[in-house]
Amino acid sequence: MKKTLAEEVIDNAAKELADDIDFEILTRLFVESGWVKVVLEPMTWEHGYEVDSWVEKNVKDSFQTRGLVWVFKDPKEANWFKLRWLS
């Protein structure tokens, strides 16, 4: 049976909320095990693309991101990220 637009919107919102909760739990576990969390300020789409491109070129170890929240396994890479994008 085909879903109504309202049902699709509700399903999408529920999935986004579940993904946010999962990421928050995962982030807490990572930080407890030594990863570094960095939260960026709101930015334009273009600036976000610059951040993503920089990370792709410069970060070699594991990381996770969702929106403006980033967690890095390597503290040095997290520091370079902070220096580049928080200053």
PDB file of N, CA and C in Angstrom:
ATOM      1  N   MET A   1       0.840  -1.178   0.000  1.00  0.00           N
ATOM      2  CA  MET A   1       0.000   0.000   0.000  1.00  0.00           C
ATOM      3  C   MET A   1       0.888   1.245   0.000  1.00  0.00           C
ATOM      4  N   LYS A   2       0.539   2.190  -0.814  1.00  0.00           N
ATOM      5  CA  LYS A   2       1.317   3.421  -0.941  1.00  0.00           C
ATOM      6  C   LYS A   2       1.079   4.320   0.272  1.00  0.00           C
ATOM      7  N   LYS A   3       2.173   4.910   0.760  1.00  0.00           N
ATOM      8  CA  LYS A   3       2.079   5.821   1.901  1.00  0.00           C
ATOM      9  C   LYS A   3       1.588   7.184   1.441  1.00  0.00           C
ATOM     10  N   THR A   4       0.906   7.851   2.353  1.00  0.00           N
ATOM     11  CA  THR A   4       0.502   9.229   2.081  1.00  0.00           C
ATOM     12  C   THR A   4       1.712  10.132   2.308  1.00  0.00           C
ATOM     13  N   LEU A   5       1.616  11.349   1.835  1.00  0.00           N
ATOM     14  CA  LEU A   5       2.698  12.314   2.038  1.00  0.00           C
ATOM     15  C   LEU A   5       2.941  12.530   3.526  1.00  0.00           C
ATOM     16  N   ALA A   6       1.882  12.624   4.299  1.00  0.00           N
ATOM     17  CA  ALA A   6       2.013  12.827   5.746  1.00  0.00           C
ATOM     18  C   ALA A   6       2.750  11.654   6.391  1.00  0.00           C
ATOM     19  N   GLU A   7       2.445  10.438   5.976  1.00  0.00           N
ATOM     20  CA  GLU A   7       3.118   9.262   6.522  1.00  0.00           C
ATOM     21  C   GLU A   7       4.601   9.255   6.150  1.00  0.00           C
ATOM     22  N   GLU A   8       4.912   9.643   4.922  1.00  0.00           N
ATOM     23  CA  GLU A   8       6.313   9.718   4.499  1.00  0.00           C
ATOM     24  C   GLU A   8       7.084  10.757   5.302  1.00  0.00           C
ATOM     25  N   VAL A   9       6.463  11.910   5.542  1.00  0.00           N
ATOM     26  CA  VAL A   9       7.105  12.968   6.324  1.00  0.00           C
ATOM     27  C   VAL A   9       7.352  12.487   7.745  1.00  0.00           C
ATOM     28  N   ILE A  10       6.373  11.831   8.337  1.00  0.00           N
ATOM     29  CA  ILE A  10       6.519  11.312   9.703  1.00  0.00           C
ATOM     30  C   ILE A  10       7.610  10.248   9.757  1.00  0.00           C
ATOM     31  N   ASP A  11       7.626   9.341   8.789  1.00  0.00           N
ATOM     32  CA  ASP A  11       8.658   8.299   8.744  1.00  0.00           C
ATOM     33  C   ASP A  11      10.055   8.894   8.599  1.00  0.00           C
ATOM     34  N   ASN A  12      10.189   9.889   7.735  1.00  0.00           N
ATOM     35  CA  ASN A  12      11.493  10.549   7.550  1.00  0.00           C
ATOM     36  C   ASN A  12      11.942  11.258   8.819  1.00  0.00           C
ATOM     37  N   ALA A  13      11.018  11.942   9.486  1.00  0.00           N
ATOM     38  CA  ALA A  13      11.352  12.640  10.728  1.00  0.00           C
ATOM     39  C   ALA A  13      11.757  11.645  11.810  1.00  0.00           C
ATOM     40  N   ALA A  14      11.064  10.520  11.878  1.00  0.00           N
ATOM     41  CA  ALA A  14      11.395   9.490  12.871  1.00  0.00           C
ATOM     42  C   ALA A  14      12.782   8.904  12.593  1.00  0.00           C
ATOM     43  N   LYS A  15      13.105   8.680  11.338  1.00  0.00           N
ATOM     44  CA  LYS A  15      14.420   8.147  10.982  1.00  0.00           C
ATOM     45  C   LYS A  15      15.522   9.151  11.329  1.00  0.00           C
ATOM     46  N   GLU A  16      15.301  10.424  11.029  1.00  0.00           N
ATOM     47  CA  GLU A  16      16.289  11.456  11.366  1.00  0.00           C
ATOM     48  C   GLU A  16      16.518  11.515  12.881  1.00  0.00           C
ATOM     49  N   LEU A  17      15.441  11.453  13.648  1.00  0.00           N
ATOM     50  CA  LEU A  17      15.561  11.479  15.106  1.00  0.00           C
ATOM     51  C   LEU A  17      16.333  10.258  15.603  1.00  0.00           C
ATOM     52  N   ALA A  18      16.021   9.083  15.074  1.00  0.00           N
ATOM     53  CA  ALA A  18      16.734   7.865  15.462  1.00  0.00           C
ATOM     54  C   ALA A  18      18.213   7.963  15.096  1.00  0.00           C
ATOM     55  N   ASP A  19      18.514   8.490  13.914  1.00  0.00           N
ATOM     56  CA  ASP A  19      19.912   8.666  13.503  1.00  0.00           C
ATOM     57  C   ASP A  19      20.642   9.637  14.417  1.00  0.00           C
ATOM     58  N   ASP A  20      19.974  10.722  14.810  1.00  0.00           N
ATOM     59  CA  ASP A  20      20.579  11.691  15.736  1.00  0.00           C
ATOM     60  C   ASP A  20      20.889  11.039  17.082  1.00  0.00           C
ATOM     61  N   ILE A  21      19.944  10.257  17.588  1.00  0.00           N
ATOM     62  CA  ILE A  21      20.137   9.581  18.879  1.00  0.00           C
ATOM     63  C   ILE A  21      21.278   8.576  18.776  1.00  0.00           C
ATOM     64  N   ASP A  22      21.296   7.787  17.711  1.00  0.00           N
ATOM     65  CA  ASP A  22      22.373   6.811  17.520  1.00  0.00           C
ATOM     66  C   ASP A  22      23.735   7.491  17.460  1.00  0.00           C
ATOM     67  N   PHE A  23      23.814   8.607  16.732  1.00  0.00           N
ATOM     68  CA  PHE A  23      25.088   9.323  16.621  1.00  0.00           C
ATOM     69  C   PHE A  23      25.516   9.882  17.971  1.00  0.00           C
ATOM     70  N   GLU A  24      24.580  10.404  18.745  1.00  0.00           N
ATOM     71  CA  GLU A  24      24.910  10.944  20.063  1.00  0.00           C
ATOM     72  C   GLU A  24      25.462   9.849  20.970  1.00  0.00           C
ATOM     73  N   ILE A  25      24.853   8.684  20.961  1.00  0.00           N
ATOM     74  CA  ILE A  25      25.332   7.567  21.779  1.00  0.00           C
ATOM     75  C   ILE A  25      26.715   7.130  21.312  1.00  0.00           C
ATOM     76  N   LEU A  26      26.883   6.972  20.012  1.00  0.00           N
ATOM     77  CA  LEU A  26      28.170   6.580  19.448  1.00  0.00           C
ATOM     78  C   LEU A  26      29.251   7.603  19.789  1.00  0.00           C
ATOM     79  N   THR A  27      28.918   8.878  19.687  1.00  0.00           N
ATOM     80  CA  THR A  27      29.869   9.943  19.999  1.00  0.00           C
ATOM     81  C   THR A  27      30.308   9.872  21.456  1.00  0.00           C
ATOM     82  N   ARG A  28      29.376   9.667  22.355  1.00  0.00           N
ATOM     83  CA  ARG A  28      29.730   9.557  23.783  1.00  0.00           C
ATOM     84  C   ARG A  28      30.692   8.404  24.028  1.00  0.00           C
ATOM     85  N   LEU A  29      30.418   7.264  23.399  1.00  0.00           N
ATOM     86  CA  LEU A  29      31.299   6.105  23.557  1.00  0.00           C
ATOM     87  C   LEU A  29      32.695   6.391  23.005  1.00  0.00           C
ATOM     88  N   PHE A  30      32.754   7.021  21.841  1.00  0.00           N
ATOM     89  CA  PHE A  30      34.046   7.360  21.256  1.00  0.00           C
ATOM     90  C   PHE A  30      34.829   8.310  22.164  1.00  0.00           C
ATOM     91  N   VAL A  31      34.175   9.358  22.639  1.00  0.00           N
ATOM     92  CA  VAL A  31      34.856  10.341  23.495  1.00  0.00           C
ATOM     93  C   VAL A  31      35.347   9.675  24.778  1.00  0.00           C
ATOM     94  N   GLU A  32      34.545   8.774  25.341  1.00  0.00           N
ATOM     95  CA  GLU A  32      34.973   8.054  26.546  1.00  0.00           C
ATOM     96  C   GLU A  32      36.207   7.194  26.287  1.00  0.00           C
ATOM     97  N   SER A  33      36.401   6.781  25.038  1.00  0.00           N
ATOM     98  CA  SER A  33      37.561   5.943  24.717  1.00  0.00           C
ATOM     99  C   SER A  33      38.734   6.749  24.139  1.00  0.00           C
ATOM    100  N   GLY A  34      38.660   8.091  24.218  1.00  0.00           N
ATOM    101  CA  GLY A  34      39.802   8.921  23.841  1.00  0.00           C
ATOM    102  C   GLY A  34      39.664   9.723  22.565  1.00  0.00           C
ATOM    103  N   TRP A  35      38.579   9.550  21.842  1.00  0.00           N
ATOM    104  CA  TRP A  35      38.365  10.363  20.643  1.00  0.00           C
ATOM    105  C   TRP A  35      38.097  11.806  21.058  1.00  0.00           C
ATOM    106  N   VAL A  36      38.237  12.729  20.119  1.00  0.00           N
ATOM    107  CA  VAL A  36      38.044  14.155  20.400  1.00  0.00           C
ATOM    108  C   VAL A  36      36.834  14.656  19.616  1.00  0.00           C
ATOM    109  N   LYS A  37      35.940  15.341  20.334  1.00  0.00           N
ATOM    110  CA  LYS A  37      34.723  15.891  19.732  1.00  0.00           C
ATOM    111  C   LYS A  37      34.923  17.370  19.430  1.00  0.00           C
ATOM    112  N   VAL A  38      34.500  17.781  18.241  1.00  0.00           N
ATOM    113  CA  VAL A  38      34.582  19.177  17.825  1.00  0.00           C
ATOM    114  C   VAL A  38      33.217  19.568  17.265  1.00  0.00           C
ATOM    115  N   VAL A  39      32.702  20.702  17.729  1.00  0.00           N
ATOM    116  CA  VAL A  39      31.418  21.192  17.231  1.00  0.00           C
ATOM    117  C   VAL A  39      31.659  22.525  16.524  1.00  0.00           C
ATOM    118  N   LEU A  40      31.302  22.570  15.248  1.00  0.00           N
ATOM    119  CA  LEU A  40      31.475  23.781  14.449  1.00  0.00           C
ATOM    120  C   LEU A  40      30.271  24.706  14.597  1.00  0.00           C
ATOM    121  N   GLU A  41      30.493  25.956  14.257  1.00  0.00           N
ATOM    122  CA  GLU A  41      29.413  26.944  14.218  1.00  0.00           C
ATOM    123  C   GLU A  41      28.595  26.738  12.943  1.00  0.00           C
ATOM    124  N   PRO A  42      27.320  27.133  12.951  1.00  0.00           N
ATOM    125  CA  PRO A  42      26.526  27.050  11.719  1.00  0.00           C
ATOM    126  C   PRO A  42      27.223  27.777  10.571  1.00  0.00           C
ATOM    127  N   MET A  43      27.054  27.224   9.361  1.00  0.00           N
ATOM    128  CA  MET A  43      27.757  27.774   8.199  1.00  0.00           C
ATOM    129  C   MET A  43      26.926  27.570   6.947  1.00  0.00           C
ATOM    130  N   THR A  44      27.362  28.205   5.885  1.00  0.00           N
ATOM    131  CA  THR A  44      26.694  28.048   4.594  1.00  0.00           C
ATOM    132  C   THR A  44      27.034  26.676   4.012  1.00  0.00           C
ATOM    133  N   TRP A  45      26.246  26.261   3.037  1.00  0.00           N
ATOM    134  CA  TRP A  45      26.491  24.990   2.365  1.00  0.00           C
ATOM    135  C   TRP A  45      27.875  25.005   1.718  1.00  0.00           C
ATOM    136  N   GLU A  46      28.243  26.103   1.114  1.00  0.00           N
ATOM    137  CA  GLU A  46      29.537  26.206   0.438  1.00  0.00           C
ATOM    138  C   GLU A  46      30.695  26.039   1.420  1.00  0.00           C
ATOM    139  N   HIS A  47      30.577  26.668   2.576  1.00  0.00           N
ATOM    140  CA  HIS A  47      31.622  26.550   3.592  1.00  0.00           C
ATOM    141  C   HIS A  47      31.688  25.105   4.104  1.00  0.00           C
ATOM    142  N   GLY A  48      30.532  24.477   4.261  1.00  0.00           N
ATOM    143  CA  GLY A  48      30.490  23.081   4.676  1.00  0.00           C
ATOM    144  C   GLY A  48      31.186  22.174   3.684  1.00  0.00           C
ATOM    145  N   TYR A  49      31.027  22.477   2.402  1.00  0.00           N
ATOM    146  CA  TYR A  49      31.709  21.710   1.363  1.00  0.00           C
ATOM    147  C   TYR A  49      33.222  21.867   1.484  1.00  0.00           C
ATOM    148  N   GLU A  50      33.680  23.073   1.815  1.00  0.00           N
ATOM    149  CA  GLU A  50      35.121  23.311   2.026  1.00  0.00           C
ATOM    150  C   GLU A  50      35.641  22.455   3.176  1.00  0.00           C
ATOM    151  N   VAL A  51      34.875  22.400   4.264  1.00  0.00           N
ATOM    152  CA  VAL A  51      35.270  21.595   5.421  1.00  0.00           C
ATOM    153  C   VAL A  51      35.376  20.127   5.012  1.00  0.00           C
ATOM    154  N   ASP A  52      34.352  19.625   4.343  1.00  0.00           N
ATOM    155  CA  ASP A  52      34.354  18.229   3.909  1.00  0.00           C
ATOM    156  C   ASP A  52      35.547  17.923   3.006  1.00  0.00           C
ATOM    157  N   SER A  53      35.835  18.818   2.083  1.00  0.00           N
ATOM    158  CA  SER A  53      36.967  18.622   1.170  1.00  0.00           C
ATOM    159  C   SER A  53      38.284  18.621   1.928  1.00  0.00           C
ATOM    160  N   TRP A  54      38.430  19.544   2.883  1.00  0.00           N
ATOM    161  CA  TRP A  54      39.651  19.608   3.682  1.00  0.00           C
ATOM    162  C   TRP A  54      39.847  18.314   4.463  1.00  0.00           C
ATOM    163  N   VAL A  55      38.770  17.822   5.076  1.00  0.00           N
ATOM    164  CA  VAL A  55      38.856  16.576   5.844  1.00  0.00           C
ATOM    165  C   VAL A  55      39.262  15.417   4.942  1.00  0.00           C
ATOM    166  N   GLU A  56      38.667  15.352   3.776  1.00  0.00           N
ATOM    167  CA  GLU A  56      38.986  14.277   2.836  1.00  0.00           C
ATOM    168  C   GLU A  56      40.472  14.268   2.481  1.00  0.00           C
ATOM    169  N   LYS A  57      41.061  15.435   2.336  1.00  0.00           N
ATOM    170  CA  LYS A  57      42.468  15.537   1.947  1.00  0.00           C
ATOM    171  C   LYS A  57      43.434  15.389   3.122  1.00  0.00           C
ATOM    172  N   ASN A  58      43.030  15.793   4.321  1.00  0.00           N
ATOM    173  CA  ASN A  58      43.973  15.916   5.432  1.00  0.00           C
ATOM    174  C   ASN A  58      43.809  14.934   6.583  1.00  0.00           C
ATOM    175  N   VAL A  59      42.662  14.341   6.731  1.00  0.00           N
ATOM    176  CA  VAL A  59      42.445  13.432   7.858  1.00  0.00           C
ATOM    177  C   VAL A  59      42.659  12.000   7.391  1.00  0.00           C
ATOM    178  N   LYS A  60      43.605  11.324   8.009  1.00  0.00           N
ATOM    179  CA  LYS A  60      43.953   9.964   7.608  1.00  0.00           C
ATOM    180  C   LYS A  60      43.367   8.907   8.534  1.00  0.00           C
ATOM    181  N   ASP A  61      43.180   9.230   9.816  1.00  0.00           N
ATOM    182  CA  ASP A  61      42.651   8.271  10.780  1.00  0.00           C
ATOM    183  C   ASP A  61      41.113   8.325  10.773  1.00  0.00           C
ATOM    184  N   SER A  62      40.511   7.524  11.598  1.00  0.00           N
ATOM    185  CA  SER A  62      39.046   7.430  11.641  1.00  0.00           C
ATOM    186  C   SER A  62      38.409   8.703  12.183  1.00  0.00           C
ATOM    187  N   PHE A  63      37.236   9.003  11.678  1.00  0.00           N
ATOM    188  CA  PHE A  63      36.426  10.112  12.174  1.00  0.00           C
ATOM    189  C   PHE A  63      34.958   9.805  11.854  1.00  0.00           C
ATOM    190  N   GLN A  64      34.083  10.495  12.549  1.00  0.00           N
ATOM    191  CA  GLN A  64      32.648  10.418  12.290  1.00  0.00           C
ATOM    192  C   GLN A  64      32.110  11.839  12.309  1.00  0.00           C
ATOM    193  N   THR A  65      31.050  12.075  11.556  1.00  0.00           N
ATOM    194  CA  THR A  65      30.434  13.396  11.552  1.00  0.00           C
ATOM    195  C   THR A  65      28.941  13.281  11.315  1.00  0.00           C
ATOM    196  N   ARG A  66      28.241  14.220  11.864  1.00  0.00           N
ATOM    197  CA  ARG A  66      26.814  14.380  11.611  1.00  0.00           C
ATOM    198  C   ARG A  66      26.524  15.857  11.814  1.00  0.00           C
ATOM    199  N   GLY A  67      26.194  16.509  10.730  1.00  0.00           N
ATOM    200  CA  GLY A  67      25.937  17.943  10.821  1.00  0.00           C
ATOM    201  C   GLY A  67      27.196  18.691  11.189  1.00  0.00           C
ATOM    202  N   LEU A  68      27.121  19.448  12.252  1.00  0.00           N
ATOM    203  CA  LEU A  68      28.252  20.267  12.694  1.00  0.00           C
ATOM    204  C   LEU A  68      29.127  19.573  13.727  1.00  0.00           C
ATOM    205  N   VAL A  69      28.781  18.363  14.092  1.00  0.00           N
ATOM    206  CA  VAL A  69      29.520  17.622  15.117  1.00  0.00           C
ATOM    207  C   VAL A  69      30.478  16.640  14.444  1.00  0.00           C
ATOM    208  N   TRP A  70      31.728  16.718  14.870  1.00  0.00           N
ATOM    209  CA  TRP A  70      32.777  15.849  14.351  1.00  0.00           C
ATOM    210  C   TRP A  70      33.454  15.169  15.524  1.00  0.00           C
ATOM    211  N   VAL A  71      33.846  13.914  15.373  1.00  0.00           N
ATOM    212  CA  VAL A  71      34.676  13.228  16.363  1.00  0.00           C
ATOM    213  C   VAL A  71      35.834  12.561  15.626  1.00  0.00           C
ATOM    214  N   PHE A  72      37.022  12.747  16.180  1.00  0.00           N
ATOM    215  CA  PHE A  72      38.249  12.263  15.557  1.00  0.00           C
ATOM    216  C   PHE A  72      38.955  11.281  16.482  1.00  0.00           C
ATOM    217  N   LYS A  73      39.448  10.193  15.907  1.00  0.00           N
ATOM    218  CA  LYS A  73      40.203   9.217  16.687  1.00  0.00           C
ATOM    219  C   LYS A  73      41.575   9.758  17.074  1.00  0.00           C
ATOM    220  N   ASP A  74      42.212  10.464  16.143  1.00  0.00           N
ATOM    221  CA  ASP A  74      43.559  10.990  16.381  1.00  0.00           C
ATOM    222  C   ASP A  74      43.465  12.413  16.936  1.00  0.00           C
ATOM    223  N   PRO A  75      43.888  12.617  18.185  1.00  0.00           N
ATOM    224  CA  PRO A  75      43.817  13.961  18.770  1.00  0.00           C
ATOM    225  C   PRO A  75      44.584  15.019  17.971  1.00  0.00           C
ATOM    226  N   LYS A  76      45.691  14.627  17.338  1.00  0.00           N
ATOM    227  CA  LYS A  76      46.455  15.590  16.533  1.00  0.00           C
ATOM    228  C   LYS A  76      45.617  16.077  15.353  1.00  0.00           C
ATOM    229  N   GLU A  77      44.938  15.154  14.706  1.00  0.00           N
ATOM    230  CA  GLU A  77      44.101  15.552  13.577  1.00  0.00           C
ATOM    231  C   GLU A  77      42.938  16.421  14.043  1.00  0.00           C
ATOM    232  N   ALA A  78      42.400  16.119  15.204  1.00  0.00           N
ATOM    233  CA  ALA A  78      41.335  16.957  15.768  1.00  0.00           C
ATOM    234  C   ALA A  78      41.855  18.365  16.026  1.00  0.00           C
ATOM    235  N   ASN A  79      43.080  18.476  16.536  1.00  0.00           N
ATOM    236  CA  ASN A  79      43.663  19.795  16.793  1.00  0.00           C
ATOM    237  C   ASN A  79      43.886  20.571  15.503  1.00  0.00           C
ATOM    238  N   TRP A  80      44.386  19.896  14.465  1.00  0.00           N
ATOM    239  CA  TRP A  80      44.555  20.572  13.173  1.00  0.00           C
ATOM    240  C   TRP A  80      43.210  21.042  12.636  1.00  0.00           C
ATOM    241  N   PHE A  81      42.203  20.200  12.794  1.00  0.00           N
ATOM    242  CA  PHE A  81      40.852  20.550  12.363  1.00  0.00           C
ATOM    243  C   PHE A  81      40.357  21.798  13.109  1.00  0.00           C
ATOM    244  N   LYS A  82      40.552  21.810  14.430  1.00  0.00           N
ATOM    245  CA  LYS A  82      40.140  22.969  15.242  1.00  0.00           C
ATOM    246  C   LYS A  82      40.869  24.243  14.801  1.00  0.00           C
ATOM    247  N   LEU A  83      42.187  24.112  14.619  1.00  0.00           N
ATOM    248  CA  LEU A  83      42.964  25.281  14.207  1.00  0.00           C
ATOM    249  C   LEU A  83      42.470  25.828  12.869  1.00  0.00           C
ATOM    250  N   ARG A  84      42.118  24.937  11.968  1.00  0.00           N
ATOM    251  CA  ARG A  84      41.699  25.366  10.634  1.00  0.00           C
ATOM    252  C   ARG A  84      40.273  25.920  10.617  1.00  0.00           C
ATOM    253  N   TRP A  85      39.364  25.282  11.354  1.00  0.00           N
ATOM    254  CA  TRP A  85      37.941  25.611  11.176  1.00  0.00           C
ATOM    255  C   TRP A  85      37.301  26.337  12.361  1.00  0.00           C
ATOM    256  N   LEU A  86      37.977  26.439  13.477  1.00  0.00           N
ATOM    257  CA  LEU A  86      37.396  27.177  14.613  1.00  0.00           C
ATOM    258  C   LEU A  86      38.045  28.530  14.817  1.00  0.00           C
ATOM    259  N   SER A  87      39.067  28.848  14.019  1.00  0.00           N
ATOM    260  CA  SER A  87      39.730  30.144  14.227  1.00  0.00           C
ATOM    261  C   SER A  87      39.281  31.166  13.212  1.00  0.00           C
TER     262      SER A  87
END
